[in-house]
C-alpha atoms as a PDB file:
ATOM      1  CA  MET A   1      59.768   5.418  -0.593  1.00  0.00           C
ATOM      2  CA  SER A   2      61.772   4.158   2.176  1.00  0.00           C
ATOM      3  CA  LEU A   3      61.509   0.977   3.394  1.00  0.00           C
ATOM      4  CA  THR A   4      63.996   1.067   6.204  1.00  0.00           C
ATOM      5  CA  ASN A   5      63.407  -1.665   8.911  1.00  0.00           C
ATOM      6  CA  SER A   6      65.963  -1.650  11.873  1.00  0.00           C
ATOM      7  CA  LYS A   7      66.904  -5.420  11.409  1.00  0.00           C
ATOM      8  CA  PHE A   8      67.647  -4.882   7.713  1.00  0.00           C
ATOM      9  CA  PHE A   9      69.231  -1.658   8.130  1.00  0.00           C
ATOM     10  CA  GLY A  10      71.439  -2.780  10.591  1.00  0.00           C
ATOM     11  CA  SER A  11      72.331  -5.773   8.753  1.00  0.00           C
ATOM     12  CA  TYR A  12      73.415  -3.414   5.755  1.00  0.00           C
ATOM     13  CA  LEU A  13      75.415  -0.980   8.411  1.00  0.00           C
ATOM     14  CA  ILE A  14      76.938  -4.480   9.323  1.00  0.00           C
ATOM     15  CA  SER A  15      77.792  -6.072   6.027  1.00  0.00           C
ATOM     16  CA  HIS A  16      78.216  -3.158   3.638  1.00  0.00           C
ATOM     17  CA  GLN A  17      79.676  -0.376   6.075  1.00  0.00           C
ATOM     18  CA  GLY A  18      81.601  -2.455   8.752  1.00  0.00           C
ATOM     19  CA  VAL A  19      79.979  -1.348  11.631  1.00  0.00           C
ATOM     20  CA  ASP A  20      80.633  -3.647  14.595  1.00  0.00           C
ATOM     21  CA  ALA A  21      77.592  -6.223  14.637  1.00  0.00           C
ATOM     22  CA  LYS A  22      77.536  -6.320  18.403  1.00  0.00           C
ATOM     23  CA  LEU A  23      76.835  -2.319  18.508  1.00  0.00           C
ATOM     24  CA  ILE A  24      74.123  -3.129  16.305  1.00  0.00           C
ATOM     25  CA  PHE A  25      72.612  -5.968  18.459  1.00  0.00           C
ATOM     26  CA  SER A  26      73.095  -3.397  21.255  1.00  0.00           C
ATOM     27  CA  ALA A  27      71.222  -0.638  19.683  1.00  0.00           C
ATOM     28  CA  LEU A  28      68.484  -3.058  18.737  1.00  0.00           C
ATOM     29  CA  GLU A  29      68.089  -4.426  22.366  1.00  0.00           C
ATOM     30  CA  LEU A  30      67.819  -0.949  23.611  1.00  0.00           C
ATOM     31  CA  GLN A  31      65.258  -0.547  20.698  1.00  0.00           C
ATOM     32  CA  LYS A  32      62.988  -3.220  22.237  1.00  0.00           C
ATOM     33  CA  LYS A  33      63.272  -2.112  25.653  1.00  0.00           C
ATOM     34  CA  MET A  34      62.197   1.178  24.840  1.00  0.00           C
ATOM     35  CA  GLN A  35      59.410   0.213  22.971  1.00  0.00           C
ATOM     36  CA  PRO A  36      56.001   0.403  24.961  1.00  0.00           C
ATOM     37  CA  SER A  37      54.499  -3.209  25.531  1.00  0.00           C
ATOM     38  CA  LEU A  38      51.170  -3.841  24.473  1.00  0.00           C
ATOM     39  CA  GLU A  39      49.966  -4.215  27.635  1.00  0.00           C
ATOM     40  CA  GLU A  40      51.128  -0.536  28.420  1.00  0.00           C
ATOM     41  CA  LEU A  41      49.330   0.618  25.173  1.00  0.00           C
ATOM     42  CA  ALA A  42      45.952  -0.818  26.187  1.00  0.00           C
ATOM     43  CA  ARG A  43      45.851   0.277  29.351  1.00  0.00           C
ATOM     44  CA  SER A  44      46.592   4.049  28.017  1.00  0.00           C
ATOM     45  CA  CYS A  45      44.788   3.721  25.038  1.00  0.00           C
ATOM     46  CA  CYS A  46      41.983   1.142  25.276  1.00  0.00           C
ATOM     47  CA  SER A  47      41.319   2.188  29.055  1.00  0.00           C
ATOM     48  CA  LEU A  48      41.916  -1.738  29.878  1.00  0.00           C
ATOM     49  CA  GLU A  49      41.329  -1.579  33.523  1.00  0.00           C
ATOM     50  CA  ALA A  50      43.418  -3.491  35.948  1.00  0.00           C
ATOM     51  CA  ALA A  51      41.328  -6.299  36.618  1.00  0.00           C
ATOM     52  CA  SER A  52      40.970  -6.735  32.370  1.00  0.00           C
ATOM     53  CA  LEU A  53      44.754  -6.656  32.593  1.00  0.00           C
ATOM     54  CA  ILE A  54      45.066  -9.332  35.251  1.00  0.00           C
ATOM     55  CA  GLU A  55      42.898 -11.788  33.562  1.00  0.00           C
ATOM     56  CA  ILE A  56      44.513 -11.244  30.676  1.00  0.00           C
ATOM     57  CA  LEU A  57      48.222 -11.903  32.315  1.00  0.00           C
ATOM     58  CA  ASN A  58      46.883 -14.787  34.117  1.00  0.00           C
ATOM     59  CA  LYS A  59      45.496 -16.517  30.770  1.00  0.00           C
ATOM     60  CA  GLN A  60      48.430 -15.772  29.085  1.00  0.00           C
ATOM     61  CA  VAL A  61      50.355 -17.677  31.550  1.00  0.00           C
ATOM     62  CA  GLN A  62      48.257 -20.635  31.038  1.00  0.00           C
ATOM     63  CA  SER A  63      47.638 -20.611  27.525  1.00  0.00           C
ATOM     64  CA  HIS A  64      51.575 -19.442  26.340  1.00  0.00           C
ATOM     65  CA  LYS A  65      49.776 -17.479  23.729  1.00  0.00           C
ATOM     66  CA  PRO A  66      50.472 -13.648  23.211  1.00  0.00           C
ATOM     67  CA  PHE A  67      49.179 -10.818  25.023  1.00  0.00           C
ATOM     68  CA  GLU A  68      47.057  -9.427  21.951  1.00  0.00           C
ATOM     69  CA  ASP A  69      45.492 -13.177  21.146  1.00  0.00           C
ATOM     70  CA  THR A  70      44.612 -13.878  24.685  1.00  0.00           C
ATOM     71  CA  ALA A  71      42.988 -10.229  25.157  1.00  0.00           C
ATOM     72  CA  ILE A  72      40.921 -11.392  21.859  1.00  0.00           C
ATOM     73  CA  GLU A  73      39.986 -14.515  22.829  1.00  0.00           C
ATOM     74  CA  LEU A  74      38.666 -13.254  26.299  1.00  0.00           C
ATOM     75  CA  GLY A  75      36.456 -10.627  24.183  1.00  0.00           C
ATOM     76  CA  LEU A  76      38.411  -7.568  26.251  1.00  0.00           C
ATOM     77  CA  LEU A  77      40.347  -6.522  23.126  1.00  0.00           C
ATOM     78  CA  SER A  78      38.661  -6.308  19.361  1.00  0.00           C
ATOM     79  CA  GLU A  79      41.157  -7.261  16.346  1.00  0.00           C
ATOM     80  CA  GLY A  80      40.669  -3.602  15.221  1.00  0.00           C
ATOM     81  CA  GLN A  81      41.857  -2.588  18.528  1.00  0.00           C
ATOM     82  CA  VAL A  82      44.837  -4.972  18.590  1.00  0.00           C
ATOM     83  CA  SER A  83      45.955  -3.762  15.209  1.00  0.00           C
ATOM     84  CA  HIS A  84      45.650  -0.270  16.450  1.00  0.00           C
ATOM     85  CA  LEU A  85      47.929  -0.879  19.115  1.00  0.00           C
ATOM     86  CA  GLN A  86      50.212  -2.867  17.310  1.00  0.00           C
ATOM     87  CA  LYS A  87      50.840   0.160  14.830  1.00  0.00           C
ATOM     88  CA  GLN A  88      50.652   2.661  17.705  1.00  0.00           C
ATOM     89  CA  GLN A  89      53.814   0.531  19.140  1.00  0.00           C
ATOM     90  CA  LEU A  90      55.865   0.602  15.498  1.00  0.00           C
ATOM     91  CA  ASP A  91      55.358   4.324  15.531  1.00  0.00           C
ATOM     92  CA  CYS A  92      56.409   5.358  18.803  1.00  0.00           C
ATOM     93  CA  ARG A  93      59.787   2.755  18.171  1.00  0.00           C
ATOM     94  CA  LYS A  94      62.992   5.000  18.339  1.00  0.00           C
ATOM     95  CA  LYS A  95      64.892   4.235  14.819  1.00  0.00           C
ATOM     96  CA  LEU A  96      67.973   2.525  14.954  1.00  0.00           C
ATOM     97  CA  GLY A  97      69.940   5.225  13.375  1.00  0.00           C
ATOM     98  CA  ASP A  98      69.004   7.458  16.133  1.00  0.00           C
ATOM     99  CA  ILE A  99      70.039   5.324  18.584  1.00  0.00           C
ATOM    100  CA  LEU A 100      73.342   4.439  16.979  1.00  0.00           C
ATOM    101  CA  VAL A 101      73.850   8.681  17.138  1.00  0.00           C
ATOM    102  CA  ASP A 102      72.654   8.568  20.929  1.00  0.00           C
ATOM    103  CA  MET A 103      75.421   5.780  21.078  1.00  0.00           C
ATOM    104  CA  GLY A 104      77.933   7.738  19.505  1.00  0.00           C
ATOM    105  CA  VAL A 105      78.501   5.197  16.980  1.00  0.00           C
ATOM    106  CA  PHE A 106      78.222   8.264  14.040  1.00  0.00           C
ATOM    107  CA  THR A 107      76.726  11.552  13.840  1.00  0.00           C
ATOM    108  CA  GLU A 108      73.411  12.803  12.608  1.00  0.00           C
ATOM    109  CA  ASP A 109      74.830  13.964   9.159  1.00  0.00           C
ATOM    110  CA  ALA A 110      76.508  10.432   8.761  1.00  0.00           C
ATOM    111  CA  LYS A 111      73.497   8.485   9.826  1.00  0.00           C
ATOM    112  CA  ALA A 112      71.298  10.616   7.144  1.00  0.00           C
ATOM    113  CA  SER A 113      74.572   9.794   4.195  1.00  0.00           C
ATOM    114  CA  LEU A 114      74.073   6.233   5.307  1.00  0.00           C
ATOM    115  CA  LEU A 115      70.170   5.925   5.435  1.00  0.00           C
ATOM    116  CA  LYS A 116      70.690   7.482   1.620  1.00  0.00           C
ATOM    117  CA  GLN A 117      72.918   4.705   0.741  1.00  0.00           C
ATOM    118  CA  TYR A 118      70.902   1.964   2.310  1.00  0.00           C
ATOM    119  CA  ASN A 119      67.810   3.358   0.562  1.00  0.00           C
ATOM    120  CA  SER A 120      69.763   3.644  -3.058  1.00  0.00           C
ATOM    121  CA  TRP A 121      70.998  -0.011  -2.239  1.00  0.00           C
ATOM    122  CA  LEU A 122      67.273  -1.271  -1.665  1.00  0.00           C
ATOM    123  CA  GLU A 123      66.193   0.312  -4.763  1.00  0.00           C
ATOM    124  CA  ALA A 124      69.118  -1.228  -6.675  1.00  0.00           C
ATOM    125  CA  ALA A 125      68.439  -4.634  -5.274  1.00  0.00           C
ATOM    126  CA  ALA A 126      64.647  -4.368  -6.005  1.00  0.00           C
ATOM    127  CA  ALA A 127      65.506  -3.562  -9.515  1.00  0.00           C
ATOM    128  CA  ILE A 128      67.965  -6.352  -9.956  1.00  0.00           C
ATOM    129  CA  GLY A 129      64.926  -8.554  -8.209  1.00  0.00           C
ATOM    130  CA  ARG A 130      62.399  -7.360 -10.893  1.00  0.00           C
ATOM    131  CA  SER A 131      65.085  -8.144 -13.634  1.00  0.00           C
ATOM    132  CA  ASN A 132      65.685 -11.551 -12.611  1.00  0.00           C
ATOM    133  CA  SER A 133      61.869 -12.220 -12.490  1.00  0.00           C
ATOM    134  CA  SER A 134      61.455 -11.034 -15.812  1.00  0.00           C
ATOM    135  CA  MET A 135      64.041 -12.866 -17.480  1.00  0.00           C
ATOM    136  CA  HIS A 136      62.734 -16.629 -16.031  1.00  0.00           C
ATOM    137  CA  LYS A 137      59.008 -15.502 -17.136  1.00  0.00           C
END
């Protein structure tokens, strides 16, 4: 099973592959900008009307709570709807490796090789963790 997570894959690329940290941070910023907001998804997926969206945003400014907490508090979205939107948001996120390919940092083939190395590294780290925890029992 692949445990690829953008921040962890980015850290791996920096610490084990010598990729410039500035490139990784730029790619992570692009990833964040490209991801649809919960507000956008709520409007399109939950048919949240403009008036409800404005009500949430106004309350959010006053309470300084995240959009999803405010929407639930106001009864305009359920916890289930928010969970669905958050999952959808992650599903829409462009993968860090794909962004780095788009940026010309490495090729598609190099990305595939790096992901394979990363997943092997994760599995080895997990095995070491399991071994260490069984030794301390």
